[in-house]
Amino acid sequence: ALLLLGAAAFVAIDHCLRTAFGTVGDVLS
């Protein structure tokens, strides 16, 4: 359960950075 929660949270952070900053978001990640 914790692995699933961690994957969901980490993906949400990467998704937010990519959505907000595009390619620069990947660098920030």
PDB file of all heavy atoms in Angstrom:
ATOM      1  N   ALA A   1       0.832  -1.206   0.000  1.00  0.00           N
ATOM      2  CA  ALA A   1       0.000   0.000   0.000  1.00  0.00           C
ATOM      3  C   ALA A   1       0.865   1.254   0.000  1.00  0.00           C
ATOM      4  O   ALA A   1       0.566   2.241  -0.704  1.00  0.00           O
ATOM      5  CB  ALA A   1      -0.910  -0.010   1.220  1.00  0.00           C
ATOM      6  N   LEU A   2       1.964   1.245   0.782  1.00  0.00           N
ATOM      7  CA  LEU A   2       2.829   2.413   0.838  1.00  0.00           C
ATOM      8  C   LEU A   2       3.559   2.623  -0.484  1.00  0.00           C
ATOM      9  O   LEU A   2       3.761   3.771  -0.924  1.00  0.00           O
ATOM     10  CB  LEU A   2       3.831   2.251   1.985  1.00  0.00           C
ATOM     11  CG  LEU A   2       4.637   3.501   2.349  1.00  0.00           C
ATOM     12  CD1 LEU A   2       3.711   4.635   2.767  1.00  0.00           C
ATOM     13  CD2 LEU A   2       5.617   3.192   3.475  1.00  0.00           C
ATOM     14  N   LEU A   3       3.947   1.540  -1.158  1.00  0.00           N
ATOM     15  CA  LEU A   3       4.577   1.667  -2.478  1.00  0.00           C
ATOM     16  C   LEU A   3       3.606   2.282  -3.481  1.00  0.00           C
ATOM     17  O   LEU A   3       3.981   3.152  -4.285  1.00  0.00           O
ATOM     18  CB  LEU A   3       5.068   0.304  -2.959  1.00  0.00           C
ATOM     19  CG  LEU A   3       6.339  -0.244  -2.297  1.00  0.00           C
ATOM     20  CD1 LEU A   3       6.596  -1.677  -2.757  1.00  0.00           C
ATOM     21  CD2 LEU A   3       7.538   0.632  -2.632  1.00  0.00           C
ATOM     22  N   LEU A   4       2.359   1.841  -3.451  1.00  0.00           N
ATOM     23  CA  LEU A   4       1.358   2.414  -4.357  1.00  0.00           C
ATOM     24  C   LEU A   4       1.133   3.888  -4.057  1.00  0.00           C
ATOM     25  O   LEU A   4       1.030   4.719  -4.981  1.00  0.00           O
ATOM     26  CB  LEU A   4       0.045   1.632  -4.237  1.00  0.00           C
ATOM     27  CG  LEU A   4       0.092   0.173  -4.729  1.00  0.00           C
ATOM     28  CD1 LEU A   4      -1.237  -0.528  -4.446  1.00  0.00           C
ATOM     29  CD2 LEU A   4       0.408   0.127  -6.217  1.00  0.00           C
ATOM     30  N   LEU A   5       1.056   4.231  -2.781  1.00  0.00           N
ATOM     31  CA  LEU A   5       0.869   5.631  -2.407  1.00  0.00           C
ATOM     32  C   LEU A   5       2.070   6.464  -2.819  1.00  0.00           C
ATOM     33  O   LEU A   5       1.925   7.597  -3.326  1.00  0.00           O
ATOM     34  CB  LEU A   5       0.648   5.732  -0.897  1.00  0.00           C
ATOM     35  CG  LEU A   5       0.479   7.151  -0.330  1.00  0.00           C
ATOM     36  CD1 LEU A   5      -0.738   7.844  -0.955  1.00  0.00           C
ATOM     37  CD2 LEU A   5       0.348   7.111   1.195  1.00  0.00           C
ATOM     38  N   GLY A   6       3.289   5.910  -2.616  1.00  0.00           N
ATOM     39  CA  GLY A   6       4.486   6.637  -3.010  1.00  0.00           C
ATOM     40  C   GLY A   6       4.566   6.846  -4.505  1.00  0.00           C
ATOM     41  O   GLY A   6       4.933   7.934  -4.973  1.00  0.00           O
ATOM     42  N   ALA A   7       4.222   5.800  -5.263  1.00  0.00           N
ATOM     43  CA  ALA A   7       4.232   5.938  -6.723  1.00  0.00           C
ATOM     44  C   ALA A   7       3.241   7.004  -7.169  1.00  0.00           C
ATOM     45  O   ALA A   7       3.547   7.844  -8.034  1.00  0.00           O
ATOM     46  CB  ALA A   7       3.909   4.595  -7.363  1.00  0.00           C
ATOM     47  N   ALA A   8       2.046   6.993  -6.569  1.00  0.00           N
ATOM     48  CA  ALA A   8       1.033   7.993  -6.940  1.00  0.00           C
ATOM     49  C   ALA A   8       1.502   9.395  -6.599  1.00  0.00           C
ATOM     50  O   ALA A   8       1.331  10.338  -7.396  1.00  0.00           O
ATOM     51  CB  ALA A   8      -0.266   7.674  -6.213  1.00  0.00           C
ATOM     52  N   ALA A   9       2.102   9.582  -5.433  1.00  0.00           N
ATOM     53  CA  ALA A   9       2.557  10.918  -5.035  1.00  0.00           C
ATOM     54  C   ALA A   9       3.711  11.392  -5.901  1.00  0.00           C
ATOM     55  O   ALA A   9       3.747  12.557  -6.332  1.00  0.00           O
ATOM     56  CB  ALA A   9       2.963  10.891  -3.565  1.00  0.00           C
ATOM     57  N   PHE A  10       4.691  10.519  -6.157  1.00  0.00           N
ATOM     58  CA  PHE A  10       5.839  10.916  -6.963  1.00  0.00           C
ATOM     59  C   PHE A  10       5.416  11.239  -8.394  1.00  0.00           C
ATOM     60  O   PHE A  10       5.889  12.210  -9.006  1.00  0.00           O
ATOM     61  CB  PHE A  10       6.897   9.819  -6.961  1.00  0.00           C
ATOM     62  CG  PHE A  10       7.613   9.666  -5.628  1.00  0.00           C
ATOM     63  CD1 PHE A  10       8.587   8.690  -5.460  1.00  0.00           C
ATOM     64  CD2 PHE A  10       7.317  10.491  -4.561  1.00  0.00           C
ATOM     65  CE1 PHE A  10       9.249   8.547  -4.254  1.00  0.00           C
ATOM     66  CE2 PHE A  10       7.974  10.344  -3.348  1.00  0.00           C
ATOM     67  CZ  PHE A  10       8.940   9.374  -3.190  1.00  0.00           C
ATOM     68  N   VAL A  11       4.517  10.417  -8.957  1.00  0.00           N
ATOM     69  CA  VAL A  11       4.025  10.683 -10.310  1.00  0.00           C
ATOM     70  C   VAL A  11       3.275  12.005 -10.349  1.00  0.00           C
ATOM     71  O   VAL A  11       3.380  12.789 -11.308  1.00  0.00           O
ATOM     72  CB  VAL A  11       3.128   9.519 -10.787  1.00  0.00           C
ATOM     73  CG1 VAL A  11       2.372   9.900 -12.068  1.00  0.00           C
ATOM     74  CG2 VAL A  11       3.969   8.275 -11.031  1.00  0.00           C
ATOM     75  N   ALA A  12       2.517  12.284  -9.309  1.00  0.00           N
ATOM     76  CA  ALA A  12       1.785  13.557  -9.257  1.00  0.00           C
ATOM     77  C   ALA A  12       2.748  14.730  -9.263  1.00  0.00           C
ATOM     78  O   ALA A  12       2.492  15.763  -9.924  1.00  0.00           O
ATOM     79  CB  ALA A  12       0.907  13.583  -8.012  1.00  0.00           C
ATOM     80  N   ILE A  13       3.878  14.620  -8.534  1.00  0.00           N
ATOM     81  CA  ILE A  13       4.858  15.715  -8.511  1.00  0.00           C
ATOM     82  C   ILE A  13       5.491  15.889  -9.879  1.00  0.00           C
ATOM     83  O   ILE A  13       5.604  17.019 -10.405  1.00  0.00           O
ATOM     84  CB  ILE A  13       5.923  15.441  -7.436  1.00  0.00           C
ATOM     85  CG1 ILE A  13       5.284  15.468  -6.041  1.00  0.00           C
ATOM     86  CG2 ILE A  13       7.054  16.459  -7.517  1.00  0.00           C
ATOM     87  CD1 ILE A  13       6.198  15.015  -4.940  1.00  0.00           C
ATOM     88  N   ASP A  14       5.948  14.771 -10.500  1.00  0.00           N
ATOM     89  CA  ASP A  14       6.550  14.859 -11.834  1.00  0.00           C
ATOM     90  C   ASP A  14       5.530  15.378 -12.856  1.00  0.00           C
ATOM     91  O   ASP A  14       5.874  16.162 -13.764  1.00  0.00           O
ATOM     92  CB  ASP A  14       7.080  13.488 -12.256  1.00  0.00           C
ATOM     93  CG  ASP A  14       8.371  13.120 -11.520  1.00  0.00           C
ATOM     94  OD1 ASP A  14       9.250  13.985 -11.404  1.00  0.00           O
ATOM     95  OD2 ASP A  14       8.483  11.966 -11.044  1.00  0.00           O
ATOM     96  N   HIS A  15       4.277  14.939 -12.733  1.00  0.00           N
ATOM     97  CA  HIS A  15       3.222  15.389 -13.640  1.00  0.00           C
ATOM     98  C   HIS A  15       3.008  16.887 -13.494  1.00  0.00           C
ATOM     99  O   HIS A  15       2.845  17.624 -14.488  1.00  0.00           O
ATOM    100  CB  HIS A  15       1.933  14.618 -13.348  1.00  0.00           C
ATOM    101  CG  HIS A  15       0.777  15.071 -14.156  1.00  0.00           C
ATOM    102  ND1 HIS A  15      -0.395  15.565 -13.602  1.00  0.00           N
ATOM    103  CD2 HIS A  15       0.594  15.136 -15.516  1.00  0.00           C
ATOM    104  CE1 HIS A  15      -1.238  15.888 -14.547  1.00  0.00           C
ATOM    105  NE2 HIS A  15      -0.664  15.632 -15.743  1.00  0.00           N
ATOM    106  N   CYS A  16       2.998  17.384 -12.279  1.00  0.00           N
ATOM    107  CA  CYS A  16       2.802  18.809 -12.045  1.00  0.00           C
ATOM    108  C   CYS A  16       3.943  19.619 -12.629  1.00  0.00           C
ATOM    109  O   CYS A  16       3.721  20.656 -13.283  1.00  0.00           O
ATOM    110  CB  CYS A  16       2.669  19.062 -10.557  1.00  0.00           C
ATOM    111  SG  CYS A  16       2.446  20.801 -10.123  1.00  0.00           S
ATOM    112  N   LEU A  17       5.202  19.175 -12.399  1.00  0.00           N
ATOM    113  CA  LEU A  17       6.349  19.902 -12.930  1.00  0.00           C
ATOM    114  C   LEU A  17       6.343  19.908 -14.450  1.00  0.00           C
ATOM    115  O   LEU A  17       6.639  20.934 -15.088  1.00  0.00           O
ATOM    116  CB  LEU A  17       7.645  19.272 -12.401  1.00  0.00           C
ATOM    117  CG  LEU A  17       7.911  19.418 -10.898  1.00  0.00           C
ATOM    118  CD1 LEU A  17       9.145  18.636 -10.495  1.00  0.00           C
ATOM    119  CD2 LEU A  17       8.069  20.887 -10.517  1.00  0.00           C
ATOM    120  N   ARG A  18       6.005  18.756 -15.031  1.00  0.00           N
ATOM    121  CA  ARG A  18       5.967  18.670 -16.498  1.00  0.00           C
ATOM    122  C   ARG A  18       4.849  19.538 -17.056  1.00  0.00           C
ATOM    123  O   ARG A  18       5.013  20.207 -18.083  1.00  0.00           O
ATOM    124  CB  ARG A  18       5.766  17.218 -16.906  1.00  0.00           C
ATOM    125  CG  ARG A  18       5.739  16.977 -18.404  1.00  0.00           C
ATOM    126  CD  ARG A  18       7.099  17.163 -19.021  1.00  0.00           C
ATOM    127  NE  ARG A  18       7.060  16.833 -20.435  1.00  0.00           N
ATOM    128  CZ  ARG A  18       8.097  16.851 -21.252  1.00  0.00           C
ATOM    129  NH1 ARG A  18       9.286  17.173 -20.758  1.00  0.00           N
ATOM    130  NH2 ARG A  18       7.977  16.540 -22.535  1.00  0.00           N
ATOM    131  N   THR A  19       3.704  19.538 -16.386  1.00  0.00           N
ATOM    132  CA  THR A  19       2.576  20.342 -16.852  1.00  0.00           C
ATOM    133  C   THR A  19       2.882  21.819 -16.730  1.00  0.00           C
ATOM    134  O   THR A  19       2.566  22.612 -17.633  1.00  0.00           O
ATOM    135  CB  THR A  19       1.327  19.986 -16.040  1.00  0.00           C
ATOM    136  OG1 THR A  19       1.048  18.593 -16.183  1.00  0.00           O
ATOM    137  CG2 THR A  19       0.132  20.800 -16.505  1.00  0.00           C
ATOM    138  N   ALA A  20       3.495  22.201 -15.617  1.00  0.00           N
ATOM    139  CA  ALA A  20       3.728  23.622 -15.379  1.00  0.00           C
ATOM    140  C   ALA A  20       4.902  24.169 -16.162  1.00  0.00           C
ATOM    141  O   ALA A  20       4.855  25.302 -16.653  1.00  0.00           O
ATOM    142  CB  ALA A  20       3.944  23.861 -13.894  1.00  0.00           C
ATOM    143  N   PHE A  21       5.986  23.395 -16.292  1.00  0.00           N
ATOM    144  CA  PHE A  21       7.213  23.946 -16.867  1.00  0.00           C
ATOM    145  C   PHE A  21       7.667  23.234 -18.136  1.00  0.00           C
ATOM    146  O   PHE A  21       8.712  23.597 -18.688  1.00  0.00           O
ATOM    147  CB  PHE A  21       8.336  23.895 -15.836  1.00  0.00           C
ATOM    148  CG  PHE A  21       7.997  24.603 -14.565  1.00  0.00           C
ATOM    149  CD1 PHE A  21       7.680  23.887 -13.416  1.00  0.00           C
ATOM    150  CD2 PHE A  21       7.980  25.990 -14.512  1.00  0.00           C
ATOM    151  CE1 PHE A  21       7.371  24.539 -12.237  1.00  0.00           C
ATOM    152  CE2 PHE A  21       7.668  26.639 -13.323  1.00  0.00           C
ATOM    153  CZ  PHE A  21       7.354  25.920 -12.187  1.00  0.00           C
ATOM    154  N   GLY A  22       6.960  22.205 -18.529  1.00  0.00           N
ATOM    155  CA  GLY A  22       7.339  21.507 -19.743  1.00  0.00           C
ATOM    156  C   GLY A  22       8.646  20.768 -19.570  1.00  0.00           C
ATOM    157  O   GLY A  22       8.866  20.064 -18.576  1.00  0.00           O
ATOM    158  N   THR A  23       9.534  20.960 -20.566  1.00  0.00           N
ATOM    159  CA  THR A  23      10.824  20.267 -20.515  1.00  0.00           C
ATOM    160  C   THR A  23      11.647  20.698 -19.308  1.00  0.00           C
ATOM    161  O   THR A  23      12.359  19.895 -18.702  1.00  0.00           O
ATOM    162  CB  THR A  23      11.603  20.545 -21.805  1.00  0.00           C
ATOM    163  OG1 THR A  23      10.819  20.133 -22.933  1.00  0.00           O
ATOM    164  CG2 THR A  23      12.926  19.809 -21.804  1.00  0.00           C
ATOM    165  N   VAL A  24      11.527  21.965 -18.927  1.00  0.00           N
ATOM    166  CA  VAL A  24      12.255  22.445 -17.749  1.00  0.00           C
ATOM    167  C   VAL A  24      11.780  21.717 -16.496  1.00  0.00           C
ATOM    168  O   VAL A  24      12.537  21.492 -15.548  1.00  0.00           O
ATOM    169  CB  VAL A  24      12.068  23.970 -17.602  1.00  0.00           C
ATOM    170  CG1 VAL A  24      12.749  24.475 -16.340  1.00  0.00           C
ATOM    171  CG2 VAL A  24      12.613  24.693 -18.819  1.00  0.00           C
ATOM    172  N   GLY A  25      10.520  21.297 -16.493  1.00  0.00           N
ATOM    173  CA  GLY A  25      10.002  20.547 -15.359  1.00  0.00           C
ATOM    174  C   GLY A  25      10.731  19.234 -15.160  1.00  0.00           C
ATOM    175  O   GLY A  25      10.934  18.783 -14.016  1.00  0.00           O
ATOM    176  N   ASP A  26      11.142  18.616 -16.279  1.00  0.00           N
ATOM    177  CA  ASP A  26      11.923  17.372 -16.152  1.00  0.00           C
ATOM    178  C   ASP A  26      13.277  17.649 -15.494  1.00  0.00           C
ATOM    179  O   ASP A  26      13.777  16.856 -14.693  1.00  0.00           O
ATOM    180  CB  ASP A  26      12.122  16.752 -17.529  1.00  0.00           C
ATOM    181  CG  ASP A  26      10.825  16.225 -18.116  1.00  0.00           C
ATOM    182  OD1 ASP A  26       9.929  15.871 -17.321  1.00  0.00           O
ATOM    183  OD2 ASP A  26      10.705  16.171 -19.347  1.00  0.00           O
ATOM    184  N   VAL A  27      13.863  18.788 -15.873  1.00  0.00           N
ATOM    185  CA  VAL A  27      15.138  19.151 -15.244  1.00  0.00           C
ATOM    186  C   VAL A  27      14.944  19.398 -13.747  1.00  0.00           C
ATOM    187  O   VAL A  27      15.748  18.963 -12.914  1.00  0.00           O
ATOM    188  CB  VAL A  27      15.730  20.395 -15.935  1.00  0.00           C
ATOM    189  CG1 VAL A  27      17.016  20.835 -15.233  1.00  0.00           C
ATOM    190  CG2 VAL A  27      15.996  20.124 -17.400  1.00  0.00           C
ATOM    191  N   LEU A  28      13.847  20.110 -13.406  1.00  0.00           N
ATOM    192  CA  LEU A  28      13.569  20.347 -11.992  1.00  0.00           C
ATOM    193  C   LEU A  28      13.329  19.033 -11.247  1.00  0.00           C
ATOM    194  O   LEU A  28      13.738  18.884 -10.087  1.00  0.00           O
ATOM    195  CB  LEU A  28      12.351  21.264 -11.849  1.00  0.00           C
ATOM    196  CG  LEU A  28      12.532  22.701 -12.351  1.00  0.00           C
ATOM    197  CD1 LEU A  28      11.212  23.464 -12.231  1.00  0.00           C
ATOM    198  CD2 LEU A  28      13.620  23.405 -11.569  1.00  0.00           C
ATOM    199  N   SER A  29      12.652  18.090 -11.917  1.00  0.00           N
ATOM    200  CA  SER A  29      12.439  16.777 -11.293  1.00  0.00           C
ATOM    201  C   SER A  29      13.764  16.070 -11.044  1.00  0.00           C
ATOM    202  O   SER A  29      13.958  15.425 -10.007  1.00  0.00           O
ATOM    203  CB  SER A  29      11.537  15.925 -12.185  1.00  0.00           C
ATOM    204  OG  SER A  29      11.371  14.640 -11.618  1.00  0.00           O
TER     205      SER A  29
END
